[in-house]
């Protein structure tokens, strides 16, 4: 259980750092595609927070975890699609 908490927290910290870096890059470049990428990192950060909360609350319903995680993954993939392929 401790390993899962460390991995979830590490994922959240990395996603937060990438969100901040993306926001700074957008502020400097004013490129809308950077804003979409930053939004994807922000969704990834929220997913990490949700996963961390799920683990700390002691929930064991894997179906709910799968649905929540899958929903965030779909949103992230759509944002990455918009960032990379829509020009």
C-alpha atoms as a PDB file:
ATOM      1  CA  UNK A   1       0.000   0.000   0.000  1.00  0.00           C
ATOM      2  CA  UNK A   2       2.861   2.385   0.695  1.00  0.00           C
ATOM      3  CA  UNK A   3       4.349   1.921  -2.781  1.00  0.00           C
ATOM      4  CA  UNK A   4       1.051   2.853  -4.434  1.00  0.00           C
ATOM      5  CA  UNK A   5       0.829   6.041  -2.376  1.00  0.00           C
ATOM      6  CA  UNK A   6       4.381   7.061  -3.278  1.00  0.00           C
ATOM      7  CA  UNK A   7       3.807   6.398  -6.988  1.00  0.00           C
ATOM      8  CA  UNK A   8       0.505   8.328  -6.993  1.00  0.00           C
ATOM      9  CA  UNK A   9       2.067  11.254  -5.139  1.00  0.00           C
ATOM     10  CA  UNK A  10       5.077  11.254  -7.466  1.00  0.00           C
ATOM     11  CA  UNK A  11       2.794  11.264 -10.499  1.00  0.00           C
ATOM     12  CA  UNK A  12       0.865  14.208  -9.063  1.00  0.00           C
ATOM     13  CA  UNK A  13       4.023  16.200  -8.328  1.00  0.00           C
ATOM     14  CA  UNK A  14       5.439  15.566 -11.810  1.00  0.00           C
ATOM     15  CA  UNK A  15       2.139  16.502 -13.467  1.00  0.00           C
ATOM     16  CA  UNK A  16       1.961  19.689 -11.383  1.00  0.00           C
ATOM     17  CA  UNK A  17       5.519  20.610 -12.380  1.00  0.00           C
ATOM     18  CA  UNK A  18       4.710  20.027 -16.062  1.00  0.00           C
ATOM     19  CA  UNK A  19       1.551  22.110 -15.711  1.00  0.00           C
ATOM     20  CA  UNK A  20       3.513  25.011 -14.238  1.00  0.00           C
ATOM     21  CA  UNK A  21       6.218  24.725 -16.927  1.00  0.00           C
ATOM     22  CA  UNK A  22       3.529  24.670 -19.628  1.00  0.00           C
ATOM     23  CA  UNK A  23       1.825  27.719 -18.153  1.00  0.00           C
ATOM     24  CA  UNK A  24       5.109  29.643 -18.078  1.00  0.00           C
ATOM     25  CA  UNK A  25       5.849  28.620 -21.675  1.00  0.00           C
ATOM     26  CA  UNK A  26       2.375  29.744 -22.761  1.00  0.00           C
ATOM     27  CA  UNK A  27       2.800  33.071 -21.006  1.00  0.00           C
ATOM     28  CA  UNK A  28       6.031  33.678 -22.897  1.00  0.00           C
ATOM     29  CA  UNK A  29       5.057  32.362 -26.337  1.00  0.00           C
ATOM     30  CA  UNK A  30       1.261  33.023 -26.397  1.00  0.00           C
ATOM     31  CA  UNK A  31       0.827  29.909 -28.567  1.00  0.00           C
ATOM     32  CA  UNK A  32      -2.644  28.372 -28.171  1.00  0.00           C
ATOM     33  CA  UNK A  33      -1.317  24.853 -28.682  1.00  0.00           C
ATOM     34  CA  UNK A  34       0.791  25.281 -25.541  1.00  0.00           C
ATOM     35  CA  UNK A  35      -2.382  26.151 -23.672  1.00  0.00           C
ATOM     36  CA  UNK A  36      -3.976  22.872 -24.805  1.00  0.00           C
ATOM     37  CA  UNK A  37      -0.870  20.948 -23.750  1.00  0.00           C
ATOM     38  CA  UNK A  38      -0.909  22.695 -20.370  1.00  0.00           C
ATOM     39  CA  UNK A  39      -4.569  21.733 -19.966  1.00  0.00           C
ATOM     40  CA  UNK A  40      -3.661  18.089 -20.652  1.00  0.00           C
ATOM     41  CA  UNK A  41      -1.000  18.216 -17.942  1.00  0.00           C
ATOM     42  CA  UNK A  42      -3.508  19.837 -15.583  1.00  0.00           C
ATOM     43  CA  UNK A  43      -6.010  17.033 -16.199  1.00  0.00           C
ATOM     44  CA  UNK A  44      -3.224  14.543 -15.533  1.00  0.00           C
ATOM     45  CA  UNK A  45      -2.544  16.357 -12.234  1.00  0.00           C
ATOM     46  CA  UNK A  46      -6.222  16.169 -11.252  1.00  0.00           C
ATOM     47  CA  UNK A  47      -6.192  12.460 -12.132  1.00  0.00           C
ATOM     48  CA  UNK A  48      -3.225  12.019  -9.787  1.00  0.00           C
ATOM     49  CA  UNK A  49      -5.078  13.839  -7.031  1.00  0.00           C
ATOM     50  CA  UNK A  50      -8.144  11.670  -7.548  1.00  0.00           C
ATOM     51  CA  UNK A  51      -6.033   8.516  -7.482  1.00  0.00           C
ATOM     52  CA  UNK A  52      -4.247   9.681  -4.328  1.00  0.00           C
ATOM     53  CA  UNK A  53      -7.564  10.456  -2.628  1.00  0.00           C
ATOM     54  CA  UNK A  54      -8.904   7.069  -3.680  1.00  0.00           C
ATOM     55  CA  UNK A  55      -5.899   5.336  -2.111  1.00  0.00           C
ATOM     56  CA  UNK A  56      -5.899   7.377   1.100  1.00  0.00           C
ATOM     57  CA  UNK A  57      -9.614   6.891   1.642  1.00  0.00           C
ATOM     58  CA  UNK A  58      -9.028   3.154   1.580  1.00  0.00           C
ATOM     59  CA  UNK A  59     -11.489   2.480  -1.216  1.00  0.00           C
ATOM     60  CA  UNK A  60     -11.105  -0.929  -2.790  1.00  0.00           C
ATOM     61  CA  UNK A  61     -13.754  -0.794  -5.517  1.00  0.00           C
ATOM     62  CA  UNK A  62     -11.611  -1.399  -8.593  1.00  0.00           C
ATOM     63  CA  UNK A  63     -14.496  -0.844 -11.009  1.00  0.00           C
ATOM     64  CA  UNK A  64     -14.916   2.733  -9.773  1.00  0.00           C
ATOM     65  CA  UNK A  65     -11.171   3.328  -9.916  1.00  0.00           C
ATOM     66  CA  UNK A  66     -11.071   1.993 -13.479  1.00  0.00           C
ATOM     67  CA  UNK A  67     -13.947   4.233 -14.589  1.00  0.00           C
ATOM     68  CA  UNK A  68     -12.485   7.351 -12.993  1.00  0.00           C
ATOM     69  CA  UNK A  69      -9.007   6.678 -14.345  1.00  0.00           C
ATOM     70  CA  UNK A  70     -10.372   5.839 -17.796  1.00  0.00           C
ATOM     71  CA  UNK A  71     -12.411   9.036 -17.926  1.00  0.00           C
ATOM     72  CA  UNK A  72      -9.349  11.131 -17.142  1.00  0.00           C
ATOM     73  CA  UNK A  73      -7.286   9.175 -19.679  1.00  0.00           C
ATOM     74  CA  UNK A  74      -9.823   9.843 -22.425  1.00  0.00           C
ATOM     75  CA  UNK A  75      -9.760  13.586 -21.656  1.00  0.00           C
ATOM     76  CA  UNK A  76      -5.960  13.613 -21.680  1.00  0.00           C
ATOM     77  CA  UNK A  77      -5.781  11.731 -24.986  1.00  0.00           C
ATOM     78  CA  UNK A  78      -8.258  14.115 -26.606  1.00  0.00           C
ATOM     79  CA  UNK A  79      -6.181  17.094 -25.463  1.00  0.00           C
ATOM     80  CA  UNK A  80      -2.990  15.487 -26.767  1.00  0.00           C
ATOM     81  CA  UNK A  81      -4.758  14.848 -30.085  1.00  0.00           C
ATOM     82  CA  UNK A  82      -5.764  18.503 -30.312  1.00  0.00           C
ATOM     83  CA  UNK A  83      -2.208  19.563 -29.451  1.00  0.00           C
ATOM     84  CA  UNK A  84      -0.394  17.311 -31.910  1.00  0.00           C
ATOM     85  CA  UNK A  85      -2.664  16.599 -34.870  1.00  0.00           C
ATOM     86  CA  UNK A  86      -5.053  19.545 -35.195  1.00  0.00           C
ATOM     87  CA  UNK A  87      -3.294  22.326 -37.072  1.00  0.00           C
END
